[in-house]
N, C-alpha and C. Protein backbone atom coordinates (compact mmCIF):
# COMPACT_ATOMS: atom_id res chain seq x y z
N UNK A 1 128.02 52.25 69.67
CA UNK A 1 126.81 51.88 70.38
C UNK A 1 125.85 51.11 69.47
N UNK A 2 125.86 51.42 68.20
CA UNK A 2 124.99 50.71 67.26
C UNK A 2 125.43 49.26 67.13
N UNK A 3 126.73 49.02 67.12
CA UNK A 3 127.22 47.64 67.00
C UNK A 3 126.82 46.81 68.22
N UNK A 4 126.85 47.42 69.41
CA UNK A 4 126.43 46.70 70.62
C UNK A 4 124.95 46.37 70.54
N UNK A 5 124.16 47.29 70.04
CA UNK A 5 122.72 47.05 69.87
C UNK A 5 122.47 45.93 68.87
N UNK A 6 123.23 45.93 67.78
CA UNK A 6 123.07 44.86 66.78
C UNK A 6 123.47 43.50 67.33
N UNK A 7 124.55 43.45 68.09
CA UNK A 7 124.96 42.18 68.70
C UNK A 7 123.87 41.70 69.66
N UNK A 8 123.30 42.61 70.43
CA UNK A 8 122.22 42.24 71.34
C UNK A 8 121.00 41.72 70.60
N UNK A 9 120.67 42.33 69.50
CA UNK A 9 119.52 41.87 68.70
C UNK A 9 119.79 40.49 68.13
N UNK A 10 121.01 40.27 67.62
CA UNK A 10 121.35 38.95 67.05
C UNK A 10 121.28 37.87 68.12
N UNK A 11 121.86 38.13 69.29
CA UNK A 11 121.80 37.13 70.36
C UNK A 11 120.37 36.91 70.83
N UNK A 12 119.56 37.96 70.85
CA UNK A 12 118.16 37.81 71.23
C UNK A 12 117.39 36.98 70.24
N UNK A 13 117.64 37.18 68.95
CA UNK A 13 116.95 36.39 67.92
C UNK A 13 117.38 34.94 67.93
N UNK A 14 118.62 34.67 68.34
CA UNK A 14 119.12 33.30 68.39
C UNK A 14 118.78 32.60 69.70
N UNK A 15 118.06 33.28 70.60
CA UNK A 15 117.70 32.75 71.91
C UNK A 15 118.93 32.33 72.71
N UNK A 16 119.99 33.10 72.61
CA UNK A 16 121.23 32.82 73.35
C UNK A 16 121.06 33.24 74.79
N UNK A 17 121.42 32.35 75.72
CA UNK A 17 121.32 32.64 77.15
C UNK A 17 122.70 33.09 77.66
N UNK A 18 122.84 34.34 78.09
CA UNK A 18 124.16 34.83 78.51
C UNK A 18 124.55 34.45 79.94
N UNK A 19 123.65 33.84 80.70
CA UNK A 19 123.92 33.56 82.11
C UNK A 19 125.17 32.67 82.29
N UNK A 20 125.34 31.57 81.53
CA UNK A 20 126.56 30.78 81.72
C UNK A 20 127.84 31.56 81.44
N UNK A 21 127.80 32.45 80.47
CA UNK A 21 128.97 33.26 80.16
C UNK A 21 129.27 34.22 81.30
N UNK A 22 128.24 34.80 81.88
CA UNK A 22 128.42 35.71 83.01
C UNK A 22 128.98 34.97 84.21
N UNK A 23 128.49 33.76 84.49
CA UNK A 23 129.00 32.95 85.60
C UNK A 23 130.46 32.58 85.36
N UNK A 24 130.80 32.21 84.13
CA UNK A 24 132.19 31.89 83.81
C UNK A 24 133.09 33.11 84.00
N UNK A 25 132.61 34.28 83.61
CA UNK A 25 133.39 35.51 83.78
C UNK A 25 133.62 35.80 85.27
N UNK A 26 132.62 35.55 86.11
CA UNK A 26 132.78 35.73 87.55
C UNK A 26 133.84 34.78 88.10
N UNK A 27 133.79 33.54 87.68
CA UNK A 27 134.76 32.55 88.15
C UNK A 27 136.17 32.93 87.72
N UNK A 28 136.33 33.36 86.47
CA UNK A 28 137.65 33.74 85.99
C UNK A 28 138.17 34.98 86.71
N UNK A 29 137.29 35.94 87.00
CA UNK A 29 137.70 37.11 87.77
C UNK A 29 138.13 36.73 89.18
N UNK A 30 137.48 35.70 89.73
CA UNK A 30 137.85 35.21 91.05
C UNK A 30 139.24 34.61 91.08
N UNK A 31 139.73 34.17 89.93
CA UNK A 31 141.07 33.63 89.84
C UNK A 31 142.07 34.71 89.45
N UNK A 32 141.70 35.55 88.50
CA UNK A 32 142.63 36.53 87.94
C UNK A 32 142.98 37.63 88.95
N UNK A 33 142.02 38.13 89.69
CA UNK A 33 142.26 39.23 90.63
C UNK A 33 143.36 38.90 91.65
N UNK A 34 143.28 37.78 92.37
CA UNK A 34 144.35 37.48 93.32
C UNK A 34 145.70 37.21 92.65
N UNK A 35 145.68 36.57 91.49
CA UNK A 35 146.94 36.28 90.80
C UNK A 35 147.65 37.58 90.43
N UNK A 36 146.92 38.53 89.89
CA UNK A 36 147.52 39.80 89.50
C UNK A 36 148.05 40.54 90.74
N UNK A 37 147.29 40.53 91.82
CA UNK A 37 147.73 41.22 93.04
C UNK A 37 149.01 40.60 93.58
N UNK A 38 149.09 39.28 93.59
CA UNK A 38 150.29 38.60 94.11
C UNK A 38 151.48 38.85 93.19
N UNK A 39 151.27 38.77 91.88
CA UNK A 39 152.37 39.01 90.94
C UNK A 39 152.91 40.43 91.10
N UNK A 40 152.02 41.40 91.22
CA UNK A 40 152.48 42.78 91.42
C UNK A 40 153.25 42.93 92.73
N UNK A 41 152.77 42.27 93.77
CA UNK A 41 153.45 42.34 95.06
C UNK A 41 154.84 41.70 94.96
N UNK A 42 154.93 40.58 94.25
CA UNK A 42 156.24 39.95 94.05
C UNK A 42 157.18 40.86 93.25
N UNK A 43 156.64 41.50 92.24
CA UNK A 43 157.48 42.34 91.39
C UNK A 43 158.00 43.57 92.13
N UNK A 44 157.14 44.18 92.96
CA UNK A 44 157.60 45.39 93.65
C UNK A 44 158.58 45.07 94.77
N UNK A 45 158.68 43.80 95.17
CA UNK A 45 159.64 43.39 96.19
C UNK A 45 160.83 42.65 95.61
N UNK A 46 160.96 42.62 94.30
CA UNK A 46 162.07 41.93 93.65
C UNK A 46 163.22 42.92 93.45
N UNK A 47 164.36 42.64 94.11
CA UNK A 47 165.50 43.55 94.04
C UNK A 47 166.12 43.59 92.65
N UNK A 48 165.92 42.55 91.85
CA UNK A 48 166.46 42.54 90.51
C UNK A 48 165.71 43.46 89.57
N UNK A 49 164.45 43.72 89.87
CA UNK A 49 163.63 44.58 89.01
C UNK A 49 163.62 46.01 89.52
N UNK A 50 163.39 46.17 90.80
CA UNK A 50 163.35 47.49 91.41
C UNK A 50 164.48 47.55 92.43
N UNK A 51 165.29 48.57 92.35
CA UNK A 51 166.40 48.72 93.28
C UNK A 51 165.93 48.85 94.71
N UNK A 52 166.81 48.48 95.64
CA UNK A 52 166.44 48.52 97.06
C UNK A 52 166.03 49.92 97.52
N UNK A 53 166.65 50.94 96.94
CA UNK A 53 166.33 52.31 97.36
C UNK A 53 164.94 52.75 96.91
N UNK A 54 164.39 52.09 95.91
CA UNK A 54 163.07 52.46 95.39
C UNK A 54 161.95 51.56 95.91
N UNK A 55 162.29 50.54 96.67
CA UNK A 55 161.26 49.60 97.14
C UNK A 55 160.52 50.14 98.35
N UNK A 56 159.35 49.57 98.57
CA UNK A 56 158.54 49.94 99.72
C UNK A 56 159.21 49.49 101.01
N UNK A 57 158.93 50.24 102.07
CA UNK A 57 159.40 49.86 103.39
C UNK A 57 158.46 48.85 104.02
N UNK A 58 158.75 48.44 105.25
CA UNK A 58 157.92 47.43 105.92
C UNK A 58 156.46 47.85 106.09
N UNK A 59 156.21 49.12 106.40
CA UNK A 59 154.83 49.57 106.61
C UNK A 59 154.02 49.45 105.32
N UNK A 60 154.62 49.90 104.22
CA UNK A 60 153.90 49.79 102.93
C UNK A 60 153.74 48.34 102.50
N UNK A 61 154.71 47.49 102.83
CA UNK A 61 154.57 46.07 102.50
C UNK A 61 153.44 45.43 103.31
N UNK A 62 153.29 45.84 104.56
CA UNK A 62 152.17 45.31 105.37
C UNK A 62 150.84 45.78 104.78
N UNK A 63 150.75 47.05 104.42
CA UNK A 63 149.51 47.56 103.82
C UNK A 63 149.22 46.85 102.51
N UNK A 64 150.25 46.67 101.69
CA UNK A 64 150.07 45.97 100.42
C UNK A 64 149.67 44.52 100.67
N UNK A 65 150.24 43.90 101.69
CA UNK A 65 149.87 42.53 102.04
C UNK A 65 148.40 42.42 102.43
N UNK A 66 147.91 43.41 103.15
CA UNK A 66 146.49 43.43 103.52
C UNK A 66 145.62 43.54 102.27
N UNK A 67 146.03 44.39 101.34
CA UNK A 67 145.28 44.54 100.09
C UNK A 67 145.30 43.24 99.30
N UNK A 68 146.45 42.58 99.26
CA UNK A 68 146.55 41.30 98.56
C UNK A 68 145.65 40.26 99.22
N UNK A 69 145.63 40.23 100.56
CA UNK A 69 144.75 39.30 101.26
C UNK A 69 143.29 39.57 100.91
N UNK A 70 142.91 40.84 100.88
CA UNK A 70 141.52 41.17 100.53
C UNK A 70 141.20 40.75 99.09
N UNK A 71 142.17 40.89 98.19
CA UNK A 71 141.96 40.43 96.81
C UNK A 71 141.76 38.92 96.76
N UNK A 72 142.55 38.18 97.55
CA UNK A 72 142.39 36.72 97.61
C UNK A 72 141.01 36.38 98.18
N UNK A 73 140.61 37.07 99.23
CA UNK A 73 139.30 36.82 99.85
C UNK A 73 138.16 37.11 98.88
N UNK A 74 138.21 38.25 98.22
CA UNK A 74 137.17 38.61 97.25
C UNK A 74 137.18 37.64 96.07
N UNK A 75 138.38 37.29 95.61
CA UNK A 75 138.49 36.35 94.49
C UNK A 75 137.91 34.99 94.82
N UNK A 76 138.23 34.47 96.00
CA UNK A 76 137.67 33.17 96.40
C UNK A 76 136.16 33.24 96.57
N UNK A 77 135.70 34.33 97.14
CA UNK A 77 134.25 34.48 97.32
C UNK A 77 133.54 34.46 95.96
N UNK A 78 134.08 35.22 94.99
CA UNK A 78 133.49 35.22 93.65
C UNK A 78 133.58 33.85 93.00
N UNK A 79 134.70 33.17 93.19
CA UNK A 79 134.87 31.85 92.60
C UNK A 79 133.87 30.86 93.19
N UNK A 80 133.69 30.87 94.51
CA UNK A 80 132.73 29.97 95.13
C UNK A 80 131.29 30.31 94.74
N UNK A 81 130.97 31.58 94.70
CA UNK A 81 129.61 31.96 94.30
C UNK A 81 129.31 31.51 92.88
N UNK A 82 130.27 31.69 91.98
CA UNK A 82 130.05 31.28 90.60
C UNK A 82 129.91 29.77 90.49
N UNK A 83 130.75 29.04 91.21
CA UNK A 83 130.66 27.57 91.14
C UNK A 83 129.37 27.07 91.79
N UNK A 84 128.91 27.74 92.83
CA UNK A 84 127.67 27.32 93.47
C UNK A 84 126.46 27.58 92.59
N UNK A 85 126.54 28.57 91.74
CA UNK A 85 125.43 28.81 90.81
C UNK A 85 125.37 27.70 89.77
N UNK A 86 126.53 27.16 89.43
CA UNK A 86 126.54 26.06 88.46
C UNK A 86 126.09 24.76 89.13
N UNK A 87 126.65 24.46 90.30
CA UNK A 87 126.36 23.20 90.99
C UNK A 87 124.96 23.20 91.60
N UNK A 88 124.57 24.33 92.17
CA UNK A 88 123.29 24.53 92.86
C UNK A 88 123.22 23.68 94.13
N UNK A 89 122.50 24.17 95.10
CA UNK A 89 122.25 23.51 96.38
C UNK A 89 123.53 23.16 97.14
N UNK A 90 124.60 23.86 96.91
CA UNK A 90 125.83 23.63 97.65
C UNK A 90 126.26 24.96 98.24
N UNK A 91 126.71 24.94 99.45
CA UNK A 91 127.14 26.18 100.07
C UNK A 91 128.31 25.90 101.00
N UNK A 92 129.21 26.81 101.07
CA UNK A 92 130.33 26.74 101.99
C UNK A 92 130.19 27.91 102.96
N UNK A 93 130.55 27.68 104.20
CA UNK A 93 130.34 28.73 105.20
C UNK A 93 131.33 29.88 104.98
N UNK A 94 130.93 31.09 105.37
CA UNK A 94 131.84 32.23 105.27
C UNK A 94 133.13 32.02 106.07
N UNK A 95 133.02 31.31 107.20
CA UNK A 95 134.22 31.02 107.99
C UNK A 95 135.19 30.16 107.21
N UNK A 96 134.68 29.19 106.48
CA UNK A 96 135.55 28.33 105.67
C UNK A 96 136.22 29.13 104.55
N UNK A 97 135.50 30.07 103.95
CA UNK A 97 136.08 30.91 102.91
C UNK A 97 137.18 31.79 103.51
N UNK A 98 136.94 32.36 104.71
CA UNK A 98 137.96 33.16 105.37
C UNK A 98 139.20 32.34 105.68
N UNK A 99 139.00 31.14 106.20
CA UNK A 99 140.13 30.27 106.54
C UNK A 99 140.90 29.87 105.30
N UNK A 100 140.19 29.47 104.26
CA UNK A 100 140.84 29.07 103.02
C UNK A 100 141.59 30.24 102.39
N UNK A 101 141.00 31.42 102.40
CA UNK A 101 141.68 32.58 101.83
C UNK A 101 142.93 32.93 102.62
N UNK A 102 142.90 32.77 103.94
CA UNK A 102 144.08 33.05 104.74
C UNK A 102 145.18 32.04 104.48
N UNK A 103 144.83 30.77 104.33
CA UNK A 103 145.83 29.74 104.03
C UNK A 103 146.47 30.00 102.67
N UNK A 104 145.66 30.31 101.67
CA UNK A 104 146.18 30.60 100.34
C UNK A 104 147.07 31.84 100.39
N UNK A 105 146.62 32.86 101.10
CA UNK A 105 147.40 34.08 101.24
C UNK A 105 148.74 33.79 101.91
N UNK A 106 148.73 33.00 102.96
CA UNK A 106 149.98 32.68 103.66
C UNK A 106 150.94 31.92 102.75
N UNK A 107 150.42 31.00 101.97
CA UNK A 107 151.27 30.26 101.04
C UNK A 107 151.84 31.17 99.95
N UNK A 108 151.04 32.11 99.49
CA UNK A 108 151.50 33.02 98.45
C UNK A 108 152.50 34.05 98.99
N UNK A 109 152.48 34.31 100.27
CA UNK A 109 153.38 35.30 100.85
C UNK A 109 154.77 34.72 101.17
N UNK A 110 154.92 33.41 101.17
CA UNK A 110 156.21 32.80 101.49
C UNK A 110 157.32 33.33 100.60
N UNK A 111 157.16 33.36 99.26
CA UNK A 111 158.26 33.89 98.44
C UNK A 111 158.54 35.37 98.70
N UNK A 112 157.53 36.12 99.04
CA UNK A 112 157.73 37.54 99.30
C UNK A 112 158.55 37.74 100.57
N UNK A 113 158.20 37.00 101.63
CA UNK A 113 158.95 37.13 102.87
C UNK A 113 160.37 36.62 102.71
N UNK A 114 160.56 35.56 101.93
CA UNK A 114 161.91 35.08 101.65
C UNK A 114 162.72 36.15 100.95
N UNK A 115 162.10 36.80 99.99
CA UNK A 115 162.79 37.85 99.24
C UNK A 115 163.14 39.03 100.13
N UNK A 116 162.23 39.41 101.02
CA UNK A 116 162.46 40.56 101.89
C UNK A 116 163.54 40.24 102.92
N UNK A 117 163.41 39.11 103.60
CA UNK A 117 164.32 38.82 104.71
C UNK A 117 165.66 38.25 104.26
N UNK A 118 165.68 37.47 103.19
CA UNK A 118 166.95 36.92 102.71
C UNK A 118 167.81 37.98 102.04
N UNK A 119 167.17 39.00 101.46
CA UNK A 119 167.95 40.03 100.78
C UNK A 119 168.63 40.96 101.77
N UNK A 120 168.12 41.06 103.01
CA UNK A 120 168.72 41.94 104.00
C UNK A 120 169.87 41.26 104.73
N UNK A 121 169.96 39.94 104.59
CA UNK A 121 171.02 39.21 105.29
C UNK A 121 172.34 39.32 104.56
């Protein structure tokens, strides 16, 4: 805790503004969260990594898909909010964010559905 206090004092004495770093962290989290969710979803549906007997069934895959969609939606929202703080005076409608997140989600789900349906054939 003392080291954190010292770092804070040093940044305060140097007049360092942390706001751009915080905005950058928000933007990066908006990208990282959906990527990690999709990668995990791909991995748990990969027959080469997890055997068919240990994989989730269709109900759990639908629930996981909903969670992945929500991660994409939250990630895009954070990404847009962070970029709008940098650009200023720009706004995108919530409907456009929902539509864009659904399109991205649908594109990201193509390999998962191919893996699920092609492996059963």
